[in-house]
Amino acid sequence: MIAASFGPSLFIGLLSSSAATAGAAGAATDVAQAIGFAAAVRVAAVIAVVGFVASLVYARRESHMSH
């Protein structure tokens, strides 16, 4: 359960932090929220790509070990 809560808390933390930074820089509230969301989605996409590459590496390693 702890591992499952890591992703959403990271996402919300990044969203809030980026939105607050954009708001402090003078962006309108809706624009600041959009900036925060975009930053959080970029990080989530990077994590997903890293996970996908890791799965390919491990699958390939298992395939070579079984032959």
Protein backbone atom coordinates (compact mmCIF):
# COMPACT_ATOMS: atom_id res chain seq x y z
CA MET A 1 0.00 0.00 0.00
CA ILE A 2 2.86 2.35 0.71
CA ALA A 3 4.33 1.83 -2.76
CA ALA A 4 0.93 2.48 -4.35
CA SER A 5 0.65 5.83 -2.58
CA PHE A 6 4.06 7.02 -3.77
CA GLY A 7 2.96 7.81 -7.35
CA PRO A 8 -0.09 9.96 -6.59
CA SER A 9 1.67 11.83 -3.79
CA LEU A 10 4.63 12.56 -6.07
CA PHE A 11 2.29 13.70 -8.85
CA ILE A 12 0.29 16.02 -6.56
CA GLY A 13 3.44 17.35 -4.93
CA LEU A 14 5.00 18.23 -8.27
CA LEU A 15 1.75 19.75 -9.52
CA SER A 16 1.36 21.90 -6.41
CA SER A 17 4.98 22.99 -6.29
CA SER A 18 5.13 23.93 -9.97
CA ALA A 19 1.80 25.71 -9.79
CA ALA A 20 2.92 27.68 -6.74
CA THR A 21 6.16 28.67 -8.46
CA ALA A 22 4.30 29.78 -11.58
CA GLY A 23 1.77 31.68 -9.47
CA ALA A 24 4.53 33.45 -7.56
CA ALA A 25 6.07 34.44 -10.90
CA GLY A 26 2.82 36.22 -11.79
CA ALA A 27 0.93 33.64 -13.84
CA ALA A 28 -2.85 33.57 -13.56
CA THR A 29 -4.27 30.83 -11.35
CA ASP A 30 -5.57 28.70 -14.22
CA VAL A 31 -2.33 29.08 -16.15
CA ALA A 32 -0.30 28.22 -13.05
CA GLN A 33 -2.38 25.05 -12.55
CA ALA A 34 -1.83 24.09 -16.19
CA ILE A 35 1.92 24.62 -15.81
CA GLY A 36 1.92 22.47 -12.68
CA PHE A 37 -0.05 19.73 -14.41
CA ALA A 38 2.28 19.76 -17.42
CA ALA A 39 5.34 19.42 -15.16
CA ALA A 40 3.81 16.51 -13.26
CA VAL A 41 2.82 14.72 -16.47
CA ARG A 42 6.35 15.14 -17.88
CA VAL A 43 7.84 13.52 -14.79
CA ALA A 44 5.26 10.72 -14.89
CA ALA A 45 6.08 10.11 -18.56
CA VAL A 46 9.81 9.88 -17.80
CA ILE A 47 9.13 7.38 -15.01
CA ALA A 48 6.92 5.34 -17.36
CA VAL A 49 9.59 5.28 -20.08
CA VAL A 50 12.26 4.23 -17.58
CA GLY A 51 9.99 1.46 -16.33
CA PHE A 52 9.28 0.29 -19.87
CA VAL A 53 12.97 0.18 -20.77
CA ALA A 54 13.73 -1.70 -17.55
CA SER A 55 11.02 -4.25 -18.37
CA LEU A 56 12.52 -4.80 -21.81
CA VAL A 57 15.98 -5.29 -20.33
CA TYR A 58 14.74 -7.78 -17.75
CA ALA A 59 12.58 -9.63 -20.30
CA ARG A 60 15.53 -9.91 -22.64
CA ARG A 61 17.77 -11.11 -19.83
CA GLU A 62 15.23 -13.78 -18.88
CA SER A 63 14.90 -14.84 -22.51
CA HIS A 64 18.65 -15.33 -22.87
CA MET A 65 18.92 -17.19 -19.56
CA SER A 66 16.27 -19.74 -20.54
CA HIS A 67 18.08 -20.81 -23.72
